[in-house]
N, C-alpha and C. Protein backbone atom coordinates (compact mmCIF):
# COMPACT_ATOMS: atom_id res chain seq x y z
N UNK A 1 41.99 -76.82 142.31
CA UNK A 1 41.43 -75.97 141.26
C UNK A 1 41.53 -74.49 141.64
N UNK A 2 41.30 -74.22 142.91
CA UNK A 2 41.35 -72.83 143.37
C UNK A 2 42.73 -72.23 143.17
N UNK A 3 43.77 -73.03 143.44
CA UNK A 3 45.14 -72.57 143.25
C UNK A 3 45.37 -72.21 141.78
N UNK A 4 44.84 -73.02 140.88
CA UNK A 4 45.02 -72.77 139.45
C UNK A 4 44.40 -71.44 139.02
N UNK A 5 43.25 -71.12 139.56
CA UNK A 5 42.61 -69.85 139.21
C UNK A 5 43.44 -68.68 139.69
N UNK A 6 43.96 -68.82 140.90
CA UNK A 6 44.80 -67.76 141.46
C UNK A 6 46.07 -67.60 140.64
N UNK A 7 46.66 -68.73 140.27
CA UNK A 7 47.88 -68.70 139.46
C UNK A 7 47.59 -68.12 138.08
N UNK A 8 46.48 -68.51 137.48
CA UNK A 8 46.10 -67.95 136.18
C UNK A 8 45.94 -66.43 136.25
N UNK A 9 45.31 -65.96 137.32
CA UNK A 9 45.11 -64.52 137.49
C UNK A 9 46.44 -63.81 137.68
N UNK A 10 47.35 -64.43 138.43
CA UNK A 10 48.66 -63.82 138.64
C UNK A 10 49.44 -63.76 137.34
N UNK A 11 49.36 -64.83 136.55
CA UNK A 11 50.04 -64.85 135.25
C UNK A 11 49.51 -63.73 134.35
N UNK A 12 48.20 -63.58 134.29
CA UNK A 12 47.61 -62.52 133.46
C UNK A 12 48.06 -61.15 133.93
N UNK A 13 48.12 -60.97 135.24
CA UNK A 13 48.55 -59.69 135.79
C UNK A 13 50.01 -59.38 135.43
N UNK A 14 50.86 -60.38 135.55
CA UNK A 14 52.28 -60.18 135.24
C UNK A 14 52.47 -59.98 133.74
N UNK A 15 51.67 -60.65 132.92
CA UNK A 15 51.76 -60.43 131.47
C UNK A 15 51.44 -58.98 131.12
N UNK A 16 50.40 -58.44 131.75
CA UNK A 16 50.04 -57.04 131.50
C UNK A 16 51.15 -56.11 131.98
N UNK A 17 51.70 -56.43 133.14
CA UNK A 17 52.80 -55.62 133.68
C UNK A 17 54.01 -55.67 132.75
N UNK A 18 54.31 -56.85 132.22
CA UNK A 18 55.44 -56.99 131.30
C UNK A 18 55.22 -56.14 130.05
N UNK A 19 54.02 -56.14 129.53
CA UNK A 19 53.74 -55.31 128.35
C UNK A 19 53.96 -53.83 128.65
N UNK A 20 53.51 -53.40 129.82
CA UNK A 20 53.68 -51.99 130.20
C UNK A 20 55.14 -51.63 130.41
N UNK A 21 55.86 -52.49 131.10
CA UNK A 21 57.26 -52.19 131.41
C UNK A 21 58.11 -52.25 130.14
N UNK A 22 57.78 -53.17 129.24
CA UNK A 22 58.51 -53.26 127.97
C UNK A 22 58.29 -51.97 127.16
N UNK A 23 57.05 -51.50 127.14
CA UNK A 23 56.75 -50.25 126.43
C UNK A 23 57.50 -49.08 127.07
N UNK A 24 57.51 -49.05 128.40
CA UNK A 24 58.18 -47.96 129.13
C UNK A 24 59.65 -47.86 128.75
N UNK A 25 60.29 -49.01 128.55
CA UNK A 25 61.71 -49.03 128.21
C UNK A 25 61.93 -49.26 126.72
N UNK A 26 60.96 -48.83 125.92
CA UNK A 26 61.04 -48.84 124.46
C UNK A 26 61.40 -50.22 123.91
N UNK A 27 60.80 -51.24 124.50
CA UNK A 27 60.98 -52.63 124.07
C UNK A 27 62.43 -53.06 124.07
N UNK A 28 63.19 -52.50 125.01
CA UNK A 28 64.58 -52.94 125.23
C UNK A 28 64.51 -54.16 126.14
N UNK A 29 64.50 -55.34 125.53
CA UNK A 29 64.32 -56.57 126.29
C UNK A 29 65.55 -56.96 127.09
N UNK A 30 66.58 -56.14 127.04
CA UNK A 30 67.77 -56.36 127.87
C UNK A 30 67.77 -55.46 129.11
N UNK A 31 66.81 -54.56 129.19
CA UNK A 31 66.74 -53.68 130.36
C UNK A 31 66.49 -54.54 131.61
N UNK A 32 67.21 -54.28 132.69
CA UNK A 32 67.09 -55.12 133.89
C UNK A 32 65.66 -55.26 134.42
N UNK A 33 64.87 -54.21 134.37
CA UNK A 33 63.49 -54.33 134.86
C UNK A 33 62.63 -55.18 133.95
N UNK A 34 62.85 -55.09 132.66
CA UNK A 34 62.11 -55.92 131.71
C UNK A 34 62.50 -57.38 131.92
N UNK A 35 63.78 -57.63 132.07
CA UNK A 35 64.26 -58.99 132.29
C UNK A 35 63.67 -59.56 133.58
N UNK A 36 63.65 -58.76 134.64
CA UNK A 36 63.14 -59.23 135.93
C UNK A 36 61.67 -59.65 135.84
N UNK A 37 60.86 -58.84 135.18
CA UNK A 37 59.44 -59.17 135.05
C UNK A 37 59.26 -60.39 134.15
N UNK A 38 60.04 -60.47 133.10
CA UNK A 38 59.97 -61.61 132.20
C UNK A 38 60.35 -62.91 132.92
N UNK A 39 61.37 -62.84 133.74
CA UNK A 39 61.79 -64.03 134.50
C UNK A 39 60.72 -64.43 135.52
N UNK A 40 60.08 -63.45 136.12
CA UNK A 40 58.99 -63.75 137.05
C UNK A 40 57.86 -64.47 136.32
N UNK A 41 57.52 -63.98 135.13
CA UNK A 41 56.48 -64.62 134.33
C UNK A 41 56.89 -66.04 133.96
N UNK A 42 58.14 -66.23 133.59
CA UNK A 42 58.64 -67.57 133.27
C UNK A 42 58.44 -68.53 134.44
N UNK A 43 58.79 -68.08 135.65
CA UNK A 43 58.65 -68.94 136.83
C UNK A 43 57.19 -69.31 137.08
N UNK A 44 56.30 -68.35 136.90
CA UNK A 44 54.87 -68.63 137.09
C UNK A 44 54.36 -69.64 136.07
N UNK A 45 54.77 -69.47 134.83
CA UNK A 45 54.33 -70.40 133.77
C UNK A 45 54.86 -71.80 134.04
N UNK A 46 56.11 -71.89 134.47
CA UNK A 46 56.67 -73.20 134.79
C UNK A 46 55.91 -73.85 135.94
N UNK A 47 55.55 -73.06 136.94
CA UNK A 47 54.78 -73.59 138.07
C UNK A 47 53.42 -74.10 137.58
N UNK A 48 52.82 -73.38 136.66
CA UNK A 48 51.51 -73.77 136.12
C UNK A 48 51.62 -75.08 135.32
N UNK A 49 52.75 -75.29 134.66
CA UNK A 49 52.92 -76.46 133.81
C UNK A 49 53.21 -77.74 134.60
N UNK A 50 53.63 -77.60 135.86
CA UNK A 50 53.93 -78.78 136.67
C UNK A 50 52.65 -79.59 136.90
N UNK A 51 52.79 -80.91 136.79
CA UNK A 51 51.60 -81.77 137.00
C UNK A 51 51.13 -81.77 138.45
């Protein structure tokens, strides 16, 4: 359970970071930094979904 809370907190943090970085690059979702943060968020969500 403790791992899940930590993972949830990390996901929320990366989501906020993604929103900021997307805004910084004028919502250019092809910008390498936006893609990198988005991919990191994807990996975290996939880890959370594993049984």
